[in-house]
PDB file of N, CA and C in Angstrom:
ATOM      1  N   UNK A   1     114.065 111.085 104.456  1.00  0.00           N
ATOM      2  CA  UNK A   1     115.107 110.662 103.545  1.00  0.00           C
ATOM      3  C   UNK A   1     114.906 109.175 103.217  1.00  0.00           C
ATOM      4  N   UNK A   2     115.040 108.860 101.969  1.00  0.00           N
ATOM      5  CA  UNK A   2     114.834 107.490 101.496  1.00  0.00           C
ATOM      6  C   UNK A   2     116.175 106.815 101.240  1.00  0.00           C
ATOM      7  N   UNK A   3     116.317 105.614 101.776  1.00  0.00           N
ATOM      8  CA  UNK A   3     117.506 104.817 101.511  1.00  0.00           C
ATOM      9  C   UNK A   3     117.046 103.407 101.127  1.00  0.00           C
ATOM     10  N   UNK A   4     117.281 103.032  99.883  1.00  0.00           N
ATOM     11  CA  UNK A   4     116.914 101.687  99.426  1.00  0.00           C
ATOM     12  C   UNK A   4     118.187 100.848  99.409  1.00  0.00           C
ATOM     13  N   UNK A   5     118.178  99.765 100.155  1.00  0.00           N
ATOM     14  CA  UNK A   5     119.344  98.886 100.182  1.00  0.00           C
ATOM     15  C   UNK A   5     119.685  98.434  98.763  1.00  0.00           C
ATOM     16  N   UNK A   6     120.946  98.287  98.496  1.00  0.00           N
ATOM     17  CA  UNK A   6     121.407  97.933  97.150  1.00  0.00           C
ATOM     18  C   UNK A   6     120.713  96.666  96.631  1.00  0.00           C
ATOM     19  N   UNK A   7     120.604  95.656  97.479  1.00  0.00           N
ATOM     20  CA  UNK A   7     119.949  94.406  97.059  1.00  0.00           C
ATOM     21  C   UNK A   7     118.477  94.616  96.763  1.00  0.00           C
ATOM     22  N   UNK A   8     117.833  95.463  97.564  1.00  0.00           N
ATOM     23  CA  UNK A   8     116.415  95.771  97.329  1.00  0.00           C
ATOM     24  C   UNK A   8     116.261  96.533  96.016  1.00  0.00           C
ATOM     25  N   UNK A   9     117.159  97.467  95.757  1.00  0.00           N
ATOM     26  CA  UNK A   9     117.110  98.215  94.504  1.00  0.00           C
ATOM     27  C   UNK A   9     117.234  97.311  93.297  1.00  0.00           C
ATOM     28  N   UNK A  10     118.126  96.320  93.391  1.00  0.00           N
ATOM     29  CA  UNK A  10     118.289  95.357  92.292  1.00  0.00           C
ATOM     30  C   UNK A  10     117.012  94.537  92.106  1.00  0.00           C
ATOM     31  N   UNK A  11     116.354  94.195  93.211  1.00  0.00           N
ATOM     32  CA  UNK A  11     115.107  93.428  93.123  1.00  0.00           C
ATOM     33  C   UNK A  11     114.010  94.270  92.460  1.00  0.00           C
ATOM     34  N   UNK A  12     113.944  95.547  92.806  1.00  0.00           N
ATOM     35  CA  UNK A  12     112.935  96.436  92.224  1.00  0.00           C
ATOM     36  C   UNK A  12     113.163  96.590  90.726  1.00  0.00           C
ATOM     37  N   UNK A  13     114.414  96.614  90.306  1.00  0.00           N
ATOM     38  CA  UNK A  13     114.715  96.758  88.878  1.00  0.00           C
ATOM     39  C   UNK A  13     114.168  95.597  88.046  1.00  0.00           C
ATOM     40  N   UNK A  14     113.889  94.475  88.687  1.00  0.00           N
ATOM     41  CA  UNK A  14     113.311  93.324  87.989  1.00  0.00           C
ATOM     42  C   UNK A  14     111.798  93.461  87.805  1.00  0.00           C
ATOM     43  N   UNK A  15     111.181  94.429  88.468  1.00  0.00           N
ATOM     44  CA  UNK A  15     109.737  94.640  88.360  1.00  0.00           C
ATOM     45  C   UNK A  15     109.408  95.276  87.009  1.00  0.00           C
ATOM     46  N   UNK A  16     108.166  95.112  86.539  1.00  0.00           N
ATOM     47  CA  UNK A  16     107.737  95.805  85.323  1.00  0.00           C
ATOM     48  C   UNK A  16     107.836  97.328  85.509  1.00  0.00           C
ATOM     49  N   UNK A  17     108.049  98.037  84.428  1.00  0.00           N
ATOM     50  CA  UNK A  17     108.226  99.494  84.476  1.00  0.00           C
ATOM     51  C   UNK A  17     107.066 100.194  85.181  1.00  0.00           C
ATOM     52  N   UNK A  18     105.844  99.752  84.906  1.00  0.00           N
ATOM     53  CA  UNK A  18     104.665 100.370  85.524  1.00  0.00           C
ATOM     54  C   UNK A  18     104.692 100.223  87.046  1.00  0.00           C
ATOM     55  N   UNK A  19     105.100  99.066  87.543  1.00  0.00           N
ATOM     56  CA  UNK A  19     105.178  98.832  88.979  1.00  0.00           C
ATOM     57  C   UNK A  19     106.293  99.694  89.578  1.00  0.00           C
ATOM     58  N   UNK A  20     107.420  99.782  88.895  1.00  0.00           N
ATOM     59  CA  UNK A  20     108.529 100.628  89.376  1.00  0.00           C
ATOM     60  C   UNK A  20     108.078 102.083  89.483  1.00  0.00           C
ATOM     61  N   UNK A  21     107.305 102.528  88.511  1.00  0.00           N
ATOM     62  CA  UNK A  21     106.789 103.900  88.531  1.00  0.00           C
ATOM     63  C   UNK A  21     105.846 104.117  89.709  1.00  0.00           C
ATOM     64  N   UNK A  22     104.953 103.166  89.942  1.00  0.00           N
ATOM     65  CA  UNK A  22     104.030 103.258  91.080  1.00  0.00           C
ATOM     66  C   UNK A  22     104.799 103.245  92.403  1.00  0.00           C
ATOM     67  N   UNK A  23     105.857 102.439  92.471  1.00  0.00           N
ATOM     68  CA  UNK A  23     106.681 102.384  93.683  1.00  0.00           C
ATOM     69  C   UNK A  23     107.379 103.721  93.915  1.00  0.00           C
ATOM     70  N   UNK A  24     107.903 104.321  92.861  1.00  0.00           N
ATOM     71  CA  UNK A  24     108.568 105.621  92.985  1.00  0.00           C
ATOM     72  C   UNK A  24     107.587 106.666  93.510  1.00  0.00           C
ATOM     73  N   UNK A  25     106.357 106.626  93.014  1.00  0.00           N
ATOM     74  CA  UNK A  25     105.327 107.555  93.476  1.00  0.00           C
ATOM     75  C   UNK A  25     105.016 107.323  94.953  1.00  0.00           C
ATOM     76  N   UNK A  26     104.894 106.069  95.351  1.00  0.00           N
ATOM     77  CA  UNK A  26     104.594 105.751  96.756  1.00  0.00           C
ATOM     78  C   UNK A  26     105.729 106.209  97.663  1.00  0.00           C
ATOM     79  N   UNK A  27     106.968 105.971  97.269  1.00  0.00           N
ATOM     80  CA  UNK A  27     108.100 106.412  98.084  1.00  0.00           C
ATOM     81  C   UNK A  27     108.164 107.941  98.154  1.00  0.00           C
ATOM     82  N   UNK A  28     107.816 108.629  97.064  1.00  0.00           N
ATOM     83  CA  UNK A  28     107.799 110.094  97.075  1.00  0.00           C
ATOM     84  C   UNK A  28     106.765 110.601  98.080  1.00  0.00           C
ATOM     85  N   UNK A  29     105.614 109.959  98.117  1.00  0.00           N
ATOM     86  CA  UNK A  29     104.574 110.346  99.081  1.00  0.00           C
ATOM     87  C   UNK A  29     105.030 110.105 100.513  1.00  0.00           C
ATOM     88  N   UNK A  30     105.733 108.992 100.730  1.00  0.00           N
ATOM     89  CA  UNK A  30     106.270 108.725 102.064  1.00  0.00           C
ATOM     90  C   UNK A  30     107.292 109.790 102.462  1.00  0.00           C
ATOM     91  N   UNK A  31     108.133 110.181 101.523  1.00  0.00           N
ATOM     92  CA  UNK A  31     109.144 111.199 101.803  1.00  0.00           C
ATOM     93  C   UNK A  31     108.513 112.552 102.122  1.00  0.00           C
ATOM     94  N   UNK A  32     107.329 112.812 101.589  1.00  0.00           N
ATOM     95  CA  UNK A  32     106.611 114.046 101.895  1.00  0.00           C
ATOM     96  C   UNK A  32     105.977 113.995 103.282  1.00  0.00           C
ATOM     97  N   UNK A  33     106.073 112.838 103.934  1.00  0.00           N
ATOM     98  CA  UNK A  33     105.521 112.693 105.269  1.00  0.00           C
ATOM     99  C   UNK A  33     104.112 112.138 105.304  1.00  0.00           C
ATOM    100  N   UNK A  34     103.595 111.734 104.157  1.00  0.00           N
ATOM    101  CA  UNK A  34     102.243 111.169 104.114  1.00  0.00           C
ATOM    102  C   UNK A  34     102.251 109.741 104.652  1.00  0.00           C
ATOM    103  N   UNK A  35     101.173 109.386 105.309  1.00  0.00           N
ATOM    104  CA  UNK A  35     100.993 108.020 105.791  1.00  0.00           C
ATOM    105  C   UNK A  35     100.189 107.265 104.738  1.00  0.00           C
ATOM    106  N   UNK A  36     100.694 106.151 104.294  1.00  0.00           N
ATOM    107  CA  UNK A  36      99.989 105.326 103.315  1.00  0.00           C
ATOM    108  C   UNK A  36      99.204 104.263 104.052  1.00  0.00           C
ATOM    109  N   UNK A  37      98.073 103.865 103.484  1.00  0.00           N
ATOM    110  CA  UNK A  37      97.245 102.844 104.118  1.00  0.00           C
ATOM    111  C   UNK A  37      96.777 101.841 103.067  1.00  0.00           C
ATOM    112  N   UNK A  38      95.969 100.892 103.508  1.00  0.00           N
ATOM    113  CA  UNK A  38      95.434  99.877 102.610  1.00  0.00           C
ATOM    114  C   UNK A  38      94.641 100.549 101.508  1.00  0.00           C
ATOM    115  N   UNK A  39      94.660 100.073 100.319  1.00  0.00           N
ATOM    116  CA  UNK A  39      95.276  98.826  99.880  1.00  0.00           C
ATOM    117  C   UNK A  39      96.738  98.972  99.427  1.00  0.00           C
ATOM    118  N   UNK A  40      97.277 100.213  99.431  1.00  0.00           N
ATOM    119  CA  UNK A  40      98.635 100.424  98.946  1.00  0.00           C
ATOM    120  C   UNK A  40      99.698  99.954  99.931  1.00  0.00           C
ATOM    121  N   UNK A  41      99.480 100.176 101.213  1.00  0.00           N
ATOM    122  CA  UNK A  41     100.491  99.840 102.208  1.00  0.00           C
ATOM    123  C   UNK A  41      99.838  99.152 103.398  1.00  0.00           C
ATOM    124  N   UNK A  42     100.533  98.147 103.914  1.00  0.00           N
ATOM    125  CA  UNK A  42     100.013  97.379 105.052  1.00  0.00           C
ATOM    126  C   UNK A  42     101.126  97.235 106.080  1.00  0.00           C
ATOM    127  N   UNK A  43     100.813  97.425 107.367  1.00  0.00           N
ATOM    128  CA  UNK A  43     101.824  97.227 108.411  1.00  0.00           C
ATOM    129  C   UNK A  43     102.301  95.773 108.449  1.00  0.00           C
ATOM    130  N   UNK A  44     103.581  95.600 108.751  1.00  0.00           N
ATOM    131  CA  UNK A  44     104.178  94.268 108.892  1.00  0.00           C
ATOM    132  C   UNK A  44     104.921  94.204 110.230  1.00  0.00           C
ATOM    133  N   UNK A  45     104.192  94.275 111.366  1.00  0.00           N
ATOM    134  CA  UNK A  45     104.852  94.303 112.671  1.00  0.00           C
ATOM    135  C   UNK A  45     105.641  93.035 112.979  1.00  0.00           C
ATOM    136  N   UNK A  46     105.335  91.949 112.298  1.00  0.00           N
ATOM    137  CA  UNK A  46     106.083  90.708 112.502  1.00  0.00           C
ATOM    138  C   UNK A  46     107.520  90.800 112.024  1.00  0.00           C
ATOM    139  N   UNK A  47     107.809  91.773 111.179  1.00  0.00           N
ATOM    140  CA  UNK A  47     109.182  91.974 110.697  1.00  0.00           C
ATOM    141  C   UNK A  47     109.929  92.885 111.650  1.00  0.00           C
ATOM    142  N   UNK A  48     109.255  93.940 112.095  1.00  0.00           N
ATOM    143  CA  UNK A  48     109.883  94.863 113.032  1.00  0.00           C
ATOM    144  C   UNK A  48     109.039  96.106 113.193  1.00  0.00           C
ATOM    145  N   UNK A  49     109.347  96.869 114.222  1.00  0.00           N
ATOM    146  CA  UNK A  49     108.618  98.101 114.487  1.00  0.00           C
ATOM    147  C   UNK A  49     108.787  99.070 113.316  1.00  0.00           C
ATOM    148  N   UNK A  50     107.679  99.616 112.849  1.00  0.00           N
ATOM    149  CA  UNK A  50     107.720 100.572 111.758  1.00  0.00           C
ATOM    150  C   UNK A  50     107.793  99.953 110.375  1.00  0.00           C
ATOM    151  N   UNK A  51     107.722  98.623 110.281  1.00  0.00           N
ATOM    152  CA  UNK A  51     107.823  97.960 108.977  1.00  0.00           C
ATOM    153  C   UNK A  51     106.448  97.842 108.316  1.00  0.00           C
ATOM    154  N   UNK A  52     106.458  98.012 107.005  1.00  0.00           N
ATOM    155  CA  UNK A  52     105.244  97.962 106.183  1.00  0.00           C
ATOM    156  C   UNK A  52     105.596  97.310 104.852  1.00  0.00           C
ATOM    157  N   UNK A  53     104.563  96.981 104.083  1.00  0.00           N
ATOM    158  CA  UNK A  53     104.805  96.512 102.723  1.00  0.00           C
ATOM    159  C   UNK A  53     103.985  97.341 101.759  1.00  0.00           C
ATOM    160  N   UNK A  54     104.629  97.749 100.672  1.00  0.00           N
ATOM    161  CA  UNK A  54     103.917  98.378  99.571  1.00  0.00           C
ATOM    162  C   UNK A  54     103.358  97.255  98.724  1.00  0.00           C
ATOM    163  N   UNK A  55     102.121  97.416  98.257  1.00  0.00           N
ATOM    164  CA  UNK A  55     101.403  96.351  97.556  1.00  0.00           C
ATOM    165  C   UNK A  55     101.007  96.830  96.166  1.00  0.00           C
ATOM    166  N   UNK A  56     101.446  96.091  95.147  1.00  0.00           N
ATOM    167  CA  UNK A  56     101.150  96.466  93.767  1.00  0.00           C
ATOM    168  C   UNK A  56     100.601  95.275  93.006  1.00  0.00           C
ATOM    169  N   UNK A  57      99.571  95.543  92.208  1.00  0.00           N
ATOM    170  CA  UNK A  57      99.014  94.532  91.305  1.00  0.00           C
ATOM    171  C   UNK A  57      99.330  94.963  89.884  1.00  0.00           C
ATOM    172  N   UNK A  58      99.682  94.001  89.078  1.00  0.00           N
ATOM    173  CA  UNK A  58     100.004  94.241  87.675  1.00  0.00           C
ATOM    174  C   UNK A  58      99.486  93.038  86.907  1.00  0.00           C
ATOM    175  N   UNK A  59      99.277  93.204  85.637  1.00  0.00           N
ATOM    176  CA  UNK A  59      98.763  92.071  84.846  1.00  0.00           C
ATOM    177  C   UNK A  59      99.717  90.874  84.886  1.00  0.00           C
ATOM    178  N   UNK A  60     100.996  91.130  85.177  1.00  0.00           N
ATOM    179  CA  UNK A  60     101.981  90.041  85.235  1.00  0.00           C
ATOM    180  C   UNK A  60     102.116  89.424  86.626  1.00  0.00           C
ATOM    181  N   UNK A  61     101.433  89.984  87.619  1.00  0.00           N
ATOM    182  CA  UNK A  61     101.513  89.404  88.956  1.00  0.00           C
ATOM    183  C   UNK A  61     101.350  90.428  90.069  1.00  0.00           C
ATOM    184  N   UNK A  62     101.640  89.980  91.273  1.00  0.00           N
ATOM    185  CA  UNK A  62     101.521  90.789  92.481  1.00  0.00           C
ATOM    186  C   UNK A  62     102.931  91.033  93.005  1.00  0.00           C
ATOM    187  N   UNK A  63     103.214  92.288  93.342  1.00  0.00           N
ATOM    188  CA  UNK A  63     104.563  92.677  93.755  1.00  0.00           C
ATOM    189  C   UNK A  63     104.508  93.340  95.122  1.00  0.00           C
ATOM    190  N   UNK A  64     105.567  93.138  95.898  1.00  0.00           N
ATOM    191  CA  UNK A  64     105.658  93.704  97.242  1.00  0.00           C
ATOM    192  C   UNK A  64     107.037  94.326  97.456  1.00  0.00           C
ATOM    193  N   UNK A  65     107.044  95.428  98.201  1.00  0.00           N
ATOM    194  CA  UNK A  65     108.293  96.037  98.665  1.00  0.00           C
ATOM    195  C   UNK A  65     108.135  96.247 100.165  1.00  0.00           C
ATOM    196  N   UNK A  66     109.018  95.649 100.930  1.00  0.00           N
ATOM    197  CA  UNK A  66     108.988  95.816 102.380  1.00  0.00           C
ATOM    198  C   UNK A  66     109.905  96.982 102.730  1.00  0.00           C
ATOM    199  N   UNK A  67     109.348  97.912 103.510  1.00  0.00           N
ATOM    200  CA  UNK A  67     110.109  99.091 103.910  1.00  0.00           C
ATOM    201  C   UNK A  67     109.902  99.351 105.392  1.00  0.00           C
ATOM    202  N   UNK A  68     110.771 100.187 105.948  1.00  0.00           N
ATOM    203  CA  UNK A  68     110.695 100.502 107.367  1.00  0.00           C
ATOM    204  C   UNK A  68     110.760 102.011 107.553  1.00  0.00           C
ATOM    205  N   UNK A  69     109.863 102.534 108.380  1.00  0.00           N
ATOM    206  CA  UNK A  69     109.889 103.932 108.769  1.00  0.00           C
ATOM    207  C   UNK A  69     110.661 104.009 110.075  1.00  0.00           C
ATOM    208  N   UNK A  70     111.793 104.685 110.046  1.00  0.00           N
ATOM    209  CA  UNK A  70     112.650 104.788 111.231  1.00  0.00           C
ATOM    210  C   UNK A  70     112.608 106.214 111.759  1.00  0.00           C
ATOM    211  N   UNK A  71     113.323 106.437 112.844  1.00  0.00           N
ATOM    212  CA  UNK A  71     113.382 107.768 113.437  1.00  0.00           C
ATOM    213  C   UNK A  71     113.950 108.795 112.483  1.00  0.00           C
ATOM    214  N   UNK A  72     113.719 110.056 112.778  1.00  0.00           N
ATOM    215  CA  UNK A  72     114.221 111.190 112.011  1.00  0.00           C
ATOM    216  C   UNK A  72     113.749 111.192 110.563  1.00  0.00           C
ATOM    217  N   UNK A  73     112.600 110.603 110.286  1.00  0.00           N
ATOM    218  CA  UNK A  73     112.046 110.621 108.939  1.00  0.00           C
ATOM    219  C   UNK A  73     112.735 109.712 107.940  1.00  0.00           C
ATOM    220  N   UNK A  74     113.556 108.792 108.403  1.00  0.00           N
ATOM    221  CA  UNK A  74     114.250 107.861 107.505  1.00  0.00           C
ATOM    222  C   UNK A  74     113.288 106.773 107.036  1.00  0.00           C
ATOM    223  N   UNK A  75     113.406 106.428 105.762  1.00  0.00           N
ATOM    224  CA  UNK A  75     112.635 105.342 105.159  1.00  0.00           C
ATOM    225  C   UNK A  75     113.646 104.388 104.536  1.00  0.00           C
ATOM    226  N   UNK A  76     113.601 103.133 104.924  1.00  0.00           N
ATOM    227  CA  UNK A  76     114.523 102.130 104.393  1.00  0.00           C
ATOM    228  C   UNK A  76     113.774 101.115 103.550  1.00  0.00           C
ATOM    229  N   UNK A  77     114.144 100.971 102.272  1.00  0.00           N
ATOM    230  CA  UNK A  77     113.627  99.911 101.419  1.00  0.00           C
ATOM    231  C   UNK A  77     114.445  98.662 101.692  1.00  0.00           C
ATOM    232  N   UNK A  78     113.808  97.612 102.193  1.00  0.00           N
ATOM    233  CA  UNK A  78     114.525  96.425 102.655  1.00  0.00           C
ATOM    234  C   UNK A  78     114.538  95.268 101.662  1.00  0.00           C
ATOM    235  N   UNK A  79     113.370  94.960 101.108  1.00  0.00           N
ATOM    236  CA  UNK A  79     113.258  93.750 100.279  1.00  0.00           C
ATOM    237  C   UNK A  79     112.097  93.907  99.313  1.00  0.00           C
ATOM    238  N   UNK A  80     112.277  93.447  98.088  1.00  0.00           N
ATOM    239  CA  UNK A  80     111.226  93.504  97.073  1.00  0.00           C
ATOM    240  C   UNK A  80     111.131  92.149  96.388  1.00  0.00           C
ATOM    241  N   UNK A  81     109.908  91.744  96.078  1.00  0.00           N
ATOM    242  CA  UNK A  81     109.725  90.429  95.468  1.00  0.00           C
ATOM    243  C   UNK A  81     108.376  90.341  94.769  1.00  0.00           C
ATOM    244  N   UNK A  82     108.280  89.384  93.861  1.00  0.00           N
ATOM    245  CA  UNK A  82     107.019  89.051  93.212  1.00  0.00           C
ATOM    246  C   UNK A  82     106.356  87.989  94.076  1.00  0.00           C
ATOM    247  N   UNK A  83     105.147  88.260  94.482  1.00  0.00           N
ATOM    248  CA  UNK A  83     104.427  87.358  95.376  1.00  0.00           C
ATOM    249  C   UNK A  83     103.746  86.276  94.555  1.00  0.00           C
ATOM    250  N   UNK A  84     103.907  85.024  94.978  1.00  0.00           N
ATOM    251  CA  UNK A  84     103.345  83.904  94.224  1.00  0.00           C
ATOM    252  C   UNK A  84     102.348  83.079  95.029  1.00  0.00           C
ATOM    253  N   UNK A  85     102.170  83.423  96.303  1.00  0.00           N
ATOM    254  CA  UNK A  85     101.250  82.691  97.169  1.00  0.00           C
ATOM    255  C   UNK A  85     100.349  83.694  97.890  1.00  0.00           C
ATOM    256  N   UNK A  86      99.263  83.212  98.457  1.00  0.00           N
ATOM    257  CA  UNK A  86      98.327  84.086  99.169  1.00  0.00           C
ATOM    258  C   UNK A  86      99.012  84.805 100.325  1.00  0.00           C
ATOM    259  N   UNK A  87      99.732  84.063 101.140  1.00  0.00           N
ATOM    260  CA  UNK A  87     100.446  84.652 102.269  1.00  0.00           C
ATOM    261  C   UNK A  87     101.875  84.969 101.864  1.00  0.00           C
ATOM    262  N   UNK A  88     102.458  85.981 102.523  1.00  0.00           N
ATOM    263  CA  UNK A  88     103.856  86.315 102.250  1.00  0.00           C
ATOM    264  C   UNK A  88     104.720  85.132 102.676  1.00  0.00           C
ATOM    265  N   UNK A  89     105.503  84.578 101.764  1.00  0.00           N
ATOM    266  CA  UNK A  89     106.337  83.419 102.108  1.00  0.00           C
ATOM    267  C   UNK A  89     107.304  83.722 103.252  1.00  0.00           C
ATOM    268  N   UNK A  90     107.496  82.731 104.083  1.00  0.00           N
ATOM    269  CA  UNK A  90     108.358  82.852 105.260  1.00  0.00           C
ATOM    270  C   UNK A  90     109.750  83.333 104.887  1.00  0.00           C
ATOM    271  N   UNK A  91     110.313  82.823 103.792  1.00  0.00           N
ATOM    272  CA  UNK A  91     111.687  83.202 103.445  1.00  0.00           C
ATOM    273  C   UNK A  91     111.776  84.691 103.086  1.00  0.00           C
ATOM    274  N   UNK A  92     110.710  85.282 102.533  1.00  0.00           N
ATOM    275  CA  UNK A  92     110.721  86.711 102.248  1.00  0.00           C
ATOM    276  C   UNK A  92     110.681  87.532 103.537  1.00  0.00           C
ATOM    277  N   UNK A  93     109.932  87.066 104.507  1.00  0.00           N
ATOM    278  CA  UNK A  93     109.885  87.736 105.806  1.00  0.00           C
ATOM    279  C   UNK A  93     111.256  87.654 106.479  1.00  0.00           C
ATOM    280  N   UNK A  94     111.877  86.495 106.403  1.00  0.00           N
ATOM    281  CA  UNK A  94     113.200  86.325 107.016  1.00  0.00           C
ATOM    282  C   UNK A  94     114.260  87.199 106.337  1.00  0.00           C
ATOM    283  N   UNK A  95     114.195  87.335 105.033  1.00  0.00           N
ATOM    284  CA  UNK A  95     115.135  88.218 104.323  1.00  0.00           C
ATOM    285  C   UNK A  95     114.954  89.652 104.828  1.00  0.00           C
ATOM    286  N   UNK A  96     113.710  90.111 104.920  1.00  0.00           N
ATOM    287  CA  UNK A  96     113.450  91.469 105.393  1.00  0.00           C
ATOM    288  C   UNK A  96     113.935  91.659 106.825  1.00  0.00           C
ATOM    289  N   UNK A  97     113.697  90.672 107.697  1.00  0.00           N
ATOM    290  CA  UNK A  97     114.164  90.763 109.082  1.00  0.00           C
ATOM    291  C   UNK A  97     115.690  90.852 109.145  1.00  0.00           C
ATOM    292  N   UNK A  98     116.352  90.038 108.356  1.00  0.00           N
ATOM    293  CA  UNK A  98     117.821  90.033 108.351  1.00  0.00           C
ATOM    294  C   UNK A  98     118.358  91.380 107.862  1.00  0.00           C
ATOM    295  N   UNK A  99     117.764  91.908 106.814  1.00  0.00           N
ATOM    296  CA  UNK A  99     118.225  93.199 106.283  1.00  0.00           C
ATOM    297  C   UNK A  99     117.924  94.332 107.261  1.00  0.00           C
ATOM    298  N   UNK A 100     116.787  94.265 107.945  1.00  0.00           N
ATOM    299  CA  UNK A 100     116.469  95.269 108.958  1.00  0.00           C
ATOM    300  C   UNK A 100     117.501  95.236 110.072  1.00  0.00           C
ATOM    301  N   UNK A 101     117.882  94.037 110.483  1.00  0.00           N
ATOM    302  CA  UNK A 101     118.897  93.894 111.529  1.00  0.00           C
ATOM    303  C   UNK A 101     120.231  94.470 111.067  1.00  0.00           C
ATOM    304  N   UNK A 102     120.592  94.219 109.807  1.00  0.00           N
ATOM    305  CA  UNK A 102     121.836  94.767 109.267  1.00  0.00           C
ATOM    306  C   UNK A 102     121.818  96.295 109.301  1.00  0.00           C
ATOM    307  N   UNK A 103     120.678  96.890 108.916  1.00  0.00           N
ATOM    308  CA  UNK A 103     120.559  98.351 108.938  1.00  0.00           C
ATOM    309  C   UNK A 103     120.647  98.857 110.370  1.00  0.00           C
ATOM    310  N   UNK A 104     119.939  98.198 111.288  1.00  0.00           N
ATOM    311  CA  UNK A 104     119.937  98.617 112.683  1.00  0.00           C
ATOM    312  C   UNK A 104     121.339  98.498 113.287  1.00  0.00           C
ATOM    313  N   UNK A 105     122.067  97.447 112.939  1.00  0.00           N
ATOM    314  CA  UNK A 105     123.420  97.279 113.445  1.00  0.00           C
ATOM    315  C   UNK A 105     124.343  98.393 112.943  1.00  0.00           C
ATOM    316  N   UNK A 106     124.141  98.807 111.683  1.00  0.00           N
ATOM    317  CA  UNK A 106     124.949  99.885 111.122  1.00  0.00           C
ATOM    318  C   UNK A 106     124.565 101.243 111.692  1.00  0.00           C
ATOM    319  N   UNK A 107     123.299 101.418 111.967  1.00  0.00           N
ATOM    320  CA  UNK A 107     122.770 102.714 112.420  1.00  0.00           C
ATOM    321  C   UNK A 107     122.133 102.539 113.800  1.00  0.00           C
ATOM    322  N   UNK A 108     122.926 102.292 114.791  1.00  0.00           N
ATOM    323  CA  UNK A 108     122.411 101.945 116.114  1.00  0.00           C
ATOM    324  C   UNK A 108     121.393 102.938 116.653  1.00  0.00           C
ATOM    325  N   UNK A 109     121.449 104.169 116.254  1.00  0.00           N
ATOM    326  CA  UNK A 109     120.570 105.173 116.831  1.00  0.00           C
ATOM    327  C   UNK A 109     119.532 105.700 115.868  1.00  0.00           C
ATOM    328  N   UNK A 110     118.981 104.850 115.030  1.00  0.00           N
ATOM    329  CA  UNK A 110     117.996 105.351 114.072  1.00  0.00           C
ATOM    330  C   UNK A 110     116.558 105.166 114.538  1.00  0.00           C
ATOM    331  N   UNK A 111     116.371 104.699 115.748  1.00  0.00           N
ATOM    332  CA  UNK A 111     115.024 104.648 116.292  1.00  0.00           C
ATOM    333  C   UNK A 111     114.319 103.315 116.179  1.00  0.00           C
ATOM    334  N   UNK A 112     115.041 102.228 115.997  1.00  0.00           N
ATOM    335  CA  UNK A 112     114.391 100.925 115.937  1.00  0.00           C
ATOM    336  C   UNK A 112     114.060 100.447 117.318  1.00  0.00           C
TER     337      UNK A 112
END
């Protein structure tokens, strides 16, 4: 089951249509139980257990969506942003960590 946080959904809506379409396809594959790997998805253990980032390139820039695979097949979309530097900016990692904590606090038994 896919749950995209409201703030993350608003961030995704700012992406170009082509990137949004690619993201929808990637999330559909995750919901089918498929494991995504590089170059589309990369683990982000520094954010939390089960966290990954979807990676998209577009002529207008590089886009990322941080998501978490939790227990019982749950997928949480945490944070989405346009990447402007080689490394993921610290503030984007902190936003994802904070949102993951909020989800975990609400759903104490989701397998984090």
